[in-house]
C-alpha atoms as a PDB file:
ATOM      1  CA  MET A   1      -1.680   7.413 -30.384  1.00  0.00           C
ATOM      2  CA  GLU A   2       1.796   8.503 -29.452  1.00  0.00           C
ATOM      3  CA  GLY A   3       0.317  11.416 -27.488  1.00  0.00           C
ATOM      4  CA  ASP A   4      -1.659   8.972 -25.316  1.00  0.00           C
ATOM      5  CA  LYS A   5       1.528   7.088 -24.484  1.00  0.00           C
ATOM      6  CA  TYR A   6       3.202  10.340 -23.389  1.00  0.00           C
ATOM      7  CA  ILE A   7       0.265  11.266 -21.169  1.00  0.00           C
ATOM      8  CA  LYS A   8       0.339   7.899 -19.392  1.00  0.00           C
ATOM      9  CA  THR A   9       4.087   8.168 -18.776  1.00  0.00           C
ATOM     10  CA  LYS A  10       3.707  11.716 -17.506  1.00  0.00           C
ATOM     11  CA  GLN A  11       0.956  10.644 -15.080  1.00  0.00           C
ATOM     12  CA  VAL A  12       3.110   7.858 -13.631  1.00  0.00           C
ATOM     13  CA  THR A  13       6.025  10.248 -13.273  1.00  0.00           C
ATOM     14  CA  GLY A  14       3.708  12.757 -11.594  1.00  0.00           C
ATOM     15  CA  PHE A  15       2.538  10.069  -9.160  1.00  0.00           C
ATOM     16  CA  GLU A  16       6.098   9.053  -8.339  1.00  0.00           C
ATOM     17  CA  SER A  17       7.287  12.616  -7.819  1.00  0.00           C
ATOM     18  CA  ASP A  18       4.208  13.359  -5.692  1.00  0.00           C
ATOM     19  CA  LEU A  19       4.881  10.239  -3.602  1.00  0.00           C
ATOM     20  CA  MET A  20       8.553  11.182  -3.158  1.00  0.00           C
ATOM     21  CA  GLU A  21       7.520  14.646  -1.996  1.00  0.00           C
ATOM     22  CA  LYS A  22       4.999  13.240   0.486  1.00  0.00           C
ATOM     23  CA  LEU A  23       7.528  10.705   1.797  1.00  0.00           C
ATOM     24  CA  ARG A  24       9.751  13.574   2.955  1.00  0.00           C
ATOM     25  CA  ASP A  25       7.091  14.287   5.596  1.00  0.00           C
ATOM     26  CA  PRO A  26       7.927  12.172   8.683  1.00  0.00           C
ATOM     27  CA  GLU A  27       4.246  11.526   9.543  1.00  0.00           C
ATOM     28  CA  PHE A  28       3.384  10.351   6.032  1.00  0.00           C
ATOM     29  CA  ALA A  29       6.570   8.282   5.755  1.00  0.00           C
ATOM     30  CA  SER A  30       5.974   6.518   9.061  1.00  0.00           C
ATOM     31  CA  ALA A  31       2.355   5.739   8.107  1.00  0.00           C
ATOM     32  CA  TYR A  32       3.559   4.407   4.744  1.00  0.00           C
ATOM     33  CA  ILE A  33       6.035   2.035   6.391  1.00  0.00           C
ATOM     34  CA  MET A  34       3.566   1.082   9.136  1.00  0.00           C
ATOM     35  CA  SER A  35       1.036   0.033   6.491  1.00  0.00           C
ATOM     36  CA  ALA A  36       3.420  -2.761   5.473  1.00  0.00           C
ATOM     37  CA  ILE A  37       3.944  -3.818   9.082  1.00  0.00           C
ATOM     38  CA  VAL A  38       0.257  -3.682  10.049  1.00  0.00           C
ATOM     39  CA  ASP A  39      -0.723  -5.631   6.930  1.00  0.00           C
ATOM     40  CA  ASN A  40       2.107  -8.101   7.673  1.00  0.00           C
ATOM     41  CA  ASP A  41       3.317  -7.546   4.107  1.00  0.00           C
ATOM     42  CA  MET A  42       6.977  -8.426   4.452  1.00  0.00           C
ATOM     43  CA  ASN A  43       7.433  -8.196   0.674  1.00  0.00           C
ATOM     44  CA  PHE A  44       6.324  -4.547   0.715  1.00  0.00           C
ATOM     45  CA  LEU A  45       8.277  -3.523   3.828  1.00  0.00           C
ATOM     46  CA  PRO A  46      11.687  -3.322   2.107  1.00  0.00           C
ATOM     47  CA  VAL A  47      10.082  -1.527  -0.865  1.00  0.00           C
ATOM     48  CA  ALA A  48       8.434   0.992   1.479  1.00  0.00           C
ATOM     49  CA  LEU A  49      11.735   1.567   3.300  1.00  0.00           C
ATOM     50  CA  GLY A  50      13.409   2.018  -0.085  1.00  0.00           C
ATOM     51  CA  ASP A  51      10.824   4.553  -1.229  1.00  0.00           C
ATOM     52  CA  VAL A  52      11.342   6.603   1.930  1.00  0.00           C
ATOM     53  CA  ALA A  53      15.124   6.298   1.578  1.00  0.00           C
ATOM     54  CA  LYS A  54      14.961   7.468  -2.048  1.00  0.00           C
ATOM     55  CA  ALA A  55      12.850  10.449  -1.002  1.00  0.00           C
ATOM     56  CA  HIS A  56      15.522  11.426   1.521  1.00  0.00           C
ATOM     57  CA  GLY A  57      18.521  10.397  -0.582  1.00  0.00           C
ATOM     58  CA  VAL A  58      20.088   6.941  -0.641  1.00  0.00           C
ATOM     59  CA  SER A  59      23.617   8.409  -0.743  1.00  0.00           C
ATOM     60  CA  LYS A  60      22.932  10.352   2.445  1.00  0.00           C
ATOM     61  CA  LEU A  61      21.488   7.214   4.080  1.00  0.00           C
ATOM     62  CA  ALA A  62      24.532   5.180   3.025  1.00  0.00           C
ATOM     63  CA  GLU A  63      26.835   7.776   4.529  1.00  0.00           C
ATOM     64  CA  GLU A  64      24.892   7.978   7.809  1.00  0.00           C
ATOM     65  CA  THR A  65      24.510   4.220   8.286  1.00  0.00           C
ATOM     66  CA  GLY A  66      27.856   3.077   6.895  1.00  0.00           C
ATOM     67  CA  ILE A  67      25.994   0.672   4.593  1.00  0.00           C
ATOM     68  CA  ASN A  68      27.080   0.950   0.974  1.00  0.00           C
ATOM     69  CA  ARG A  69      24.533   1.982  -1.652  1.00  0.00           C
ATOM     70  CA  ARG A  70      24.642  -1.347  -3.498  1.00  0.00           C
ATOM     71  CA  THR A  71      23.713  -3.199  -0.296  1.00  0.00           C
ATOM     72  CA  LEU A  72      20.919  -0.716   0.435  1.00  0.00           C
ATOM     73  CA  TYR A  73      19.413  -1.201  -3.021  1.00  0.00           C
ATOM     74  CA  LYS A  74      19.500  -4.985  -2.478  1.00  0.00           C
ATOM     75  CA  VAL A  75      17.779  -4.497   0.888  1.00  0.00           C
ATOM     76  CA  PHE A  76      15.083  -2.340  -0.734  1.00  0.00           C
ATOM     77  CA  ASP A  77      14.179  -5.015  -3.279  1.00  0.00           C
ATOM     78  CA  LYS A  78      10.851  -6.791  -2.669  1.00  0.00           C
ATOM     79  CA  ASN A  79      12.868  -9.977  -2.120  1.00  0.00           C
ATOM     80  CA  GLY A  80      15.372  -8.212   0.140  1.00  0.00           C
ATOM     81  CA  HIS A  81      14.188  -9.638   3.486  1.00  0.00           C
ATOM     82  CA  PRO A  82      16.236  -7.246   5.639  1.00  0.00           C
ATOM     83  CA  SER A  83      17.059  -8.229   9.212  1.00  0.00           C
ATOM     84  CA  PHE A  84      15.269  -6.530  12.087  1.00  0.00           C
ATOM     85  CA  ASP A  85      18.547  -4.868  13.063  1.00  0.00           C
ATOM     86  CA  LEU A  86      18.994  -3.446   9.572  1.00  0.00           C
ATOM     87  CA  VAL A  87      15.384  -2.193   9.445  1.00  0.00           C
ATOM     88  CA  THR A  88      15.758  -0.389  12.776  1.00  0.00           C
ATOM     89  CA  GLN A  89      19.134   1.060  11.758  1.00  0.00           C
ATOM     90  CA  ILE A  90      17.660   2.428   8.512  1.00  0.00           C
ATOM     91  CA  MET A  91      14.556   3.746  10.255  1.00  0.00           C
ATOM     92  CA  GLN A  92      16.640   5.535  12.896  1.00  0.00           C
ATOM     93  CA  SER A  93      18.768   7.134  10.210  1.00  0.00           C
ATOM     94  CA  LEU A  94      15.558   8.301   8.494  1.00  0.00           C
ATOM     95  CA  GLY A  95      14.414   9.887  11.776  1.00  0.00           C
ATOM     96  CA  MET A  96      11.900   7.208  12.768  1.00  0.00           C
ATOM     97  CA  GLU A  97      11.568   4.722  15.586  1.00  0.00           C
ATOM     98  CA  LEU A  98       9.648   1.522  16.017  1.00  0.00           C
ATOM     99  CA  GLN A  99       7.190   1.384  18.903  1.00  0.00           C
ATOM    100  CA  ILE A 100       5.398  -1.656  20.236  1.00  0.00           C
ATOM    101  CA  ARG A 101       2.014  -1.311  21.926  1.00  0.00           C
ATOM    102  CA  PRO A 102      -0.704  -3.677  23.094  1.00  0.00           C
ATOM    103  CA  LYS A 103      -3.089  -4.835  20.427  1.00  0.00           C
ATOM    104  CA  LYS A 104      -6.485  -3.185  20.582  1.00  0.00           C
ATOM    105  CA  THR A 105      -9.109  -5.702  21.545  1.00  0.00           C
ATOM    106  CA  LYS A 106     -12.850  -5.447  21.404  1.00  0.00           C
ATOM    107  CA  LYS A 107     -14.472  -5.367  24.791  1.00  0.00           C
ATOM    108  CA  PRO A 108     -17.046  -8.125  25.254  1.00  0.00           C
ATOM    109  CA  LYS A 109     -20.624  -6.920  25.181  1.00  0.00           C
ATOM    110  CA  ALA A 110     -22.376  -6.835  28.537  1.00  0.00           C
ATOM    111  CA  SER A 111     -25.106  -9.445  28.882  1.00  0.00           C
END
């Protein structure tokens, strides 16, 4: 029974380390953050930003942005509700930018 518990913990740790590795890739990281924005999941957005920041190093992010680590961890909480300015500042420091484009619309069918 104890062996099963160890296996489950190891699998979660493997998932987390795999995610952290993937989040170091700028394309994957931007898609991960965009998923929160596209789904309008403002509770997941700070968590997604936090995951990407952890993958790159929160200390490094704190140094680059001038925002202390304690504040960053509060921002990255699901109840963090960071300001737009703070989100863009963090994203820029992580090597990302926010782009706005027209919404894709379906063309009406010809009669």
